[in-house]
Protein backbone atom coordinates (compact mmCIF):
# COMPACT_ATOMS: atom_id res chain seq x y z
CA UNK A 1 69.82 113.40 12.85
CA UNK A 2 72.67 114.14 10.41
CA UNK A 3 71.15 111.68 7.95
CA UNK A 4 67.76 113.39 8.28
CA UNK A 5 69.27 116.83 7.58
CA UNK A 6 71.17 115.43 4.59
CA UNK A 7 68.02 113.90 3.13
CA UNK A 8 66.15 117.16 3.70
CA UNK A 9 68.86 119.12 1.86
CA UNK A 10 68.83 116.65 -1.03
CA UNK A 11 65.05 116.94 -1.23
CA UNK A 12 65.25 120.75 -1.26
CA UNK A 13 67.96 120.74 -3.94
CA UNK A 14 65.88 118.35 -6.01
CA UNK A 15 62.98 120.81 -6.03
CA UNK A 16 65.06 123.70 -7.47
CA UNK A 17 64.23 124.42 -11.14
CA UNK A 18 67.83 124.64 -12.36
CA UNK A 19 66.87 125.32 -15.98
CA UNK A 20 64.70 128.28 -14.94
CA UNK A 21 67.46 129.45 -12.58
CA UNK A 22 70.04 129.49 -15.41
CA UNK A 23 67.62 131.32 -17.71
CA UNK A 24 66.87 133.87 -14.98
CA UNK A 25 70.56 134.55 -14.35
CA UNK A 26 71.13 134.99 -18.09
CA UNK A 27 68.10 137.29 -18.34
CA UNK A 28 69.24 139.46 -15.43
CA UNK A 29 72.78 139.65 -16.80
CA UNK A 30 71.54 140.62 -20.28
CA UNK A 31 69.07 143.21 -18.99
CA UNK A 32 71.67 144.66 -16.61
CA UNK A 33 74.22 145.02 -19.41
CA UNK A 34 71.68 146.51 -21.79
CA UNK A 35 70.18 148.96 -19.30
CA UNK A 36 73.40 149.99 -17.55
CA UNK A 37 75.63 150.32 -20.60
CA UNK A 38 72.81 151.70 -22.73
CA UNK A 39 72.09 154.44 -20.20
CA UNK A 40 75.75 155.46 -19.97
CA UNK A 41 76.15 155.30 -23.76
CA UNK A 42 73.16 157.62 -24.22
CA UNK A 43 74.67 160.06 -21.71
CA UNK A 44 77.98 159.90 -23.59
CA UNK A 45 76.14 160.57 -26.86
CA UNK A 46 74.62 163.71 -25.38
CA UNK A 47 78.07 164.96 -24.34
CA UNK A 48 79.54 164.23 -27.78
CA UNK A 49 76.73 166.04 -29.58
CA UNK A 50 76.98 169.07 -27.32
CA UNK A 51 80.79 169.24 -27.14
CA UNK A 52 81.99 168.34 -30.62
CA UNK A 53 78.95 168.84 -32.87
CA UNK A 54 77.97 172.02 -31.00
CA UNK A 55 74.32 171.06 -30.71
CA UNK A 56 72.07 172.61 -28.06
CA UNK A 57 68.75 171.63 -26.56
CA UNK A 58 65.74 173.23 -28.19
CA UNK A 59 63.70 175.42 -25.88
CA UNK A 60 60.08 174.45 -25.28
CA UNK A 61 58.37 171.14 -25.98
CA UNK A 62 60.03 170.57 -29.34
CA UNK A 63 60.89 166.94 -30.00
CA UNK A 64 64.61 167.00 -30.75
CA UNK A 65 67.34 164.41 -30.45
CA UNK A 66 68.01 165.26 -26.79
CA UNK A 67 64.34 164.77 -25.90
CA UNK A 68 64.37 161.43 -27.69
CA UNK A 69 67.47 160.38 -25.74
CA UNK A 70 65.71 161.31 -22.47
CA UNK A 71 62.72 159.21 -23.53
CA UNK A 72 65.01 156.27 -24.26
CA UNK A 73 66.52 156.62 -20.80
CA UNK A 74 63.08 156.37 -19.18
CA UNK A 75 62.36 153.34 -21.38
CA UNK A 76 65.57 151.78 -20.05
CA UNK A 77 64.37 152.36 -16.47
CA UNK A 78 61.04 150.71 -17.28
CA UNK A 79 62.69 147.71 -18.95
CA UNK A 80 64.97 147.15 -15.96
CA UNK A 81 62.09 147.23 -13.47
CA UNK A 82 59.69 145.16 -15.61
CA UNK A 83 62.09 142.32 -16.34
CA UNK A 84 63.31 142.20 -12.76
CA UNK A 85 59.73 141.43 -11.72
CA UNK A 86 59.19 139.12 -14.70
CA UNK A 87 62.28 137.09 -13.83
CA UNK A 88 60.96 136.58 -10.29
CA UNK A 89 57.58 135.47 -11.64
CA UNK A 90 59.21 132.95 -13.96
CA UNK A 91 61.29 131.57 -11.09
CA UNK A 92 58.15 131.22 -8.96
CA UNK A 93 56.43 129.48 -11.87
CA UNK A 94 59.44 127.16 -12.17
CA UNK A 95 59.25 126.21 -8.49
CA UNK A 96 55.47 125.80 -8.70
CA UNK A 97 55.55 123.62 -11.81
CA UNK A 98 58.50 121.57 -10.57
CA UNK A 99 56.59 120.83 -7.39
CA UNK A 100 53.56 119.76 -9.40
CA UNK A 101 55.69 117.48 -11.58
CA UNK A 102 57.48 115.91 -8.62
CA UNK A 103 54.18 115.14 -6.92
CA UNK A 104 52.36 113.27 -9.68
CA UNK A 105 49.90 111.78 -7.22
CA UNK A 106 49.02 115.02 -5.50
CA UNK A 107 45.92 117.15 -5.81
CA UNK A 108 44.69 117.32 -9.41
CA UNK A 109 43.90 121.03 -9.07
CA UNK A 110 47.60 121.77 -8.54
CA UNK A 111 48.66 120.24 -11.85
CA UNK A 112 45.79 121.85 -13.71
CA UNK A 113 46.70 125.29 -12.38
CA UNK A 114 50.37 124.68 -13.19
CA UNK A 115 49.41 123.75 -16.75
CA UNK A 116 47.39 126.95 -17.22
CA UNK A 117 50.16 129.10 -15.74
CA UNK A 118 52.76 127.47 -18.00
CA UNK A 119 50.63 128.05 -21.10
CA UNK A 120 50.15 131.70 -20.16
CA UNK A 121 53.86 132.26 -19.58
CA UNK A 122 54.72 130.53 -22.87
CA UNK A 123 52.61 133.05 -24.77
CA UNK A 124 53.95 136.01 -22.78
CA UNK A 125 57.58 134.91 -23.12
CA UNK A 126 57.15 134.46 -26.86
CA UNK A 127 55.91 138.05 -27.16
CA UNK A 128 58.83 139.30 -25.04
CA UNK A 129 61.26 137.36 -27.21
CA UNK A 130 59.91 139.16 -30.30
CA UNK A 131 60.18 142.48 -28.44
CA UNK A 132 63.81 141.78 -27.51
CA UNK A 133 64.57 140.90 -31.12
CA UNK A 134 63.31 144.37 -32.04
CA UNK A 135 65.37 145.95 -29.25
CA UNK A 136 68.46 144.12 -30.48
CA UNK A 137 67.90 145.33 -34.04
CA UNK A 138 67.34 148.89 -32.78
CA UNK A 139 70.48 148.80 -30.62
CA UNK A 140 72.55 147.82 -33.64
CA UNK A 141 71.81 151.23 -35.25
CA UNK A 142 73.95 153.35 -32.85
CA UNK A 143 76.65 150.67 -33.04
CA UNK A 144 76.66 151.10 -36.82
CA UNK A 145 76.78 154.93 -36.50
CA UNK A 146 79.64 154.88 -34.03
CA UNK A 147 81.48 152.31 -36.12
CA UNK A 148 81.36 154.71 -39.08
CA UNK A 149 82.63 157.54 -36.90
CA UNK A 150 85.37 155.34 -35.43
CA UNK A 151 86.37 154.23 -38.94
CA UNK A 152 86.65 157.85 -40.10
CA UNK A 153 88.88 158.65 -37.12
CA UNK A 154 91.02 155.64 -37.88
CA UNK A 155 91.33 156.49 -41.57
CA UNK A 156 92.49 160.02 -40.83
CA UNK A 157 95.47 158.63 -38.95
CA UNK A 158 96.31 156.19 -41.75
CA UNK A 159 95.81 158.50 -44.73
CA UNK A 160 97.39 161.93 -44.44
CA UNK A 161 95.56 164.84 -45.99
CA UNK A 162 92.23 162.97 -46.26
CA UNK A 163 89.21 165.25 -45.88
CA UNK A 164 86.33 163.10 -44.62
CA UNK A 165 83.09 164.45 -43.20
CA UNK A 166 80.28 163.07 -41.08
CA UNK A 167 76.87 164.67 -41.53
CA UNK A 168 74.26 163.94 -38.86
CA UNK A 169 71.52 164.38 -41.46
CA UNK A 170 72.56 161.01 -42.88
CA UNK A 171 71.30 159.27 -39.76
CA UNK A 172 68.17 161.36 -39.21
CA UNK A 173 69.50 162.90 -36.01
CA UNK A 174 68.80 166.41 -37.28
CA UNK A 175 66.41 167.71 -39.92
CA UNK A 176 67.41 168.36 -43.51
CA UNK A 177 67.40 172.11 -42.95
CA UNK A 178 70.01 171.87 -40.20
CA UNK A 179 73.61 171.35 -41.18
CA UNK A 180 75.46 169.62 -38.38
CA UNK A 181 78.55 168.35 -40.11
CA UNK A 182 82.01 167.70 -38.78
CA UNK A 183 85.06 167.11 -41.00
CA UNK A 184 88.51 165.73 -40.38
CA UNK A 185 90.16 169.10 -40.97
CA UNK A 186 88.27 170.73 -38.09
CA UNK A 187 89.72 171.03 -34.61
CA UNK A 188 86.61 169.54 -32.98
CA UNK A 189 86.97 166.37 -35.02
CA UNK A 190 90.59 165.90 -34.01
CA UNK A 191 89.77 166.48 -30.34
CA UNK A 192 86.86 164.02 -30.54
CA UNK A 193 89.03 161.30 -32.11
CA UNK A 194 91.73 161.79 -29.51
CA UNK A 195 89.31 161.76 -26.59
CA UNK A 196 88.45 158.58 -24.69
CA UNK A 197 84.76 159.54 -24.64
CA UNK A 198 84.13 158.42 -28.22
CA UNK A 199 85.85 155.09 -27.72
CA UNK A 200 84.07 154.49 -24.42
CA UNK A 201 80.62 155.32 -25.82
CA UNK A 202 81.20 153.08 -28.83
CA UNK A 203 82.15 150.10 -26.67
CA UNK A 204 79.27 150.76 -24.26
CA UNK A 205 76.83 150.47 -27.15
CA UNK A 206 78.52 147.21 -28.21
CA UNK A 207 78.11 145.78 -24.70
CA UNK A 208 74.48 146.97 -24.63
CA UNK A 209 73.92 145.14 -27.93
CA UNK A 210 75.48 142.01 -26.44
CA UNK A 211 73.18 142.36 -23.40
CA UNK A 212 70.12 142.58 -25.64
CA UNK A 213 71.30 139.45 -27.47
CA UNK A 214 71.74 137.66 -24.13
CA UNK A 215 68.17 138.62 -23.19
CA UNK A 216 66.95 137.08 -26.47
CA UNK A 217 68.83 133.86 -25.67
CA UNK A 218 67.31 133.89 -22.16
CA UNK A 219 63.82 134.23 -23.66
CA UNK A 220 64.47 131.27 -25.97
CA UNK A 221 65.76 129.28 -22.99
CA UNK A 222 62.63 130.17 -21.04
CA UNK A 223 60.45 129.03 -23.97
CA UNK A 224 62.15 125.63 -23.96
CA UNK A 225 61.82 125.30 -20.18
CA UNK A 226 58.18 126.41 -20.13
CA UNK A 227 57.27 124.12 -23.04
CA UNK A 228 58.89 121.17 -21.29
CA UNK A 229 57.13 122.01 -18.01
CA UNK A 230 53.80 122.33 -19.82
CA UNK A 231 54.27 118.90 -21.42
CA UNK A 232 55.28 117.32 -18.11
CA UNK A 233 52.34 118.85 -16.27
CA UNK A 234 50.03 117.67 -19.04
CA UNK A 235 51.33 114.12 -18.57
CA UNK A 236 50.90 114.52 -14.82
CA UNK A 237 47.26 115.47 -15.37
CA UNK A 238 46.70 112.38 -17.49
CA UNK A 239 48.45 110.21 -14.94
CA UNK A 240 46.28 111.62 -12.18
CA UNK A 241 43.13 111.00 -14.21
CA UNK A 242 44.25 107.45 -14.85
CA UNK A 243 44.93 106.90 -11.15
CA UNK A 244 41.54 108.34 -10.21
CA UNK A 245 39.73 106.10 -12.71
CA UNK A 246 41.74 103.08 -11.59
CA UNK A 247 40.99 103.77 -7.92
CA UNK A 248 37.32 104.23 -8.70
CA UNK A 249 37.15 100.94 -10.63
CA UNK A 250 38.96 99.09 -7.85
CA UNK A 251 36.54 100.54 -5.31
CA UNK A 252 33.57 99.48 -7.43
CA UNK A 253 34.98 95.95 -7.78
CA UNK A 254 35.56 95.82 -4.06
CA UNK A 255 31.97 96.92 -3.41
CA UNK A 256 30.66 94.32 -5.86
CA UNK A 257 32.67 91.55 -4.21
CA UNK A 258 31.51 92.68 -0.78
CA UNK A 259 27.88 92.69 -1.90
CA UNK A 260 28.14 89.22 -3.45
CA UNK A 261 29.85 87.87 -0.36
CA UNK A 262 27.03 89.19 1.81
CA UNK A 263 24.42 87.69 -0.53
CA UNK A 264 26.11 84.28 -0.44
CA UNK A 265 26.40 84.43 3.33
CA UNK A 266 22.71 85.32 3.66
CA UNK A 267 21.72 82.55 1.25
CA UNK A 268 23.80 80.02 3.19
CA UNK A 269 22.34 81.00 6.52
């Protein structure tokens, strides 16, 4: 009985798609870092703009920077939900395809369906990989902005009497007509540099960027896994066709031999 349970466990472990499992864990970790840290970094950006740059929300339906940040937050929610479901689907596909590969002599319809599903997921994963590349490039923009701000804060402590300014119009956060500028000689700038909020927001954006990069790596990993599964399932289809043709030929030969044996027996009698 112990031996039977051990063999059953080994059989179950052998059917786990470990490559898909690793890619799924990496995808969930990357998406969690991007969504969680990105959401908190956006909230910290709102506080910095309102506290130190003295910006206020525009009344009405005007599309300002705060509205854009709210939109980005909803996009983060959608990304988290969508890729949670997509990771589950890819894991199911991994189990399905692994089962089809393990059972090369099973039903031909199983391997054909697995091949079609793998081809579909290859195309979809490739599109998602391109999308995550765009997300990674977009996430690098706030990292660059905060790096400039962090550098200005650092330079003011190294160089006494330096008068450096940061104008939000440089980054397109406000329109040209609005002057939202903060300089090193102002009290708000000194309070912002001394606060932990700026440092925390900057590092949250860095972690979000790393999470987006991890999601890109997970998509590449998925592409390799899906391509390998598609090739294996394709070989399984060919093997099944070969076995079917071979079985059919053997059956025909058996029928021919049976017929000839009957004819010889009838002729002898």
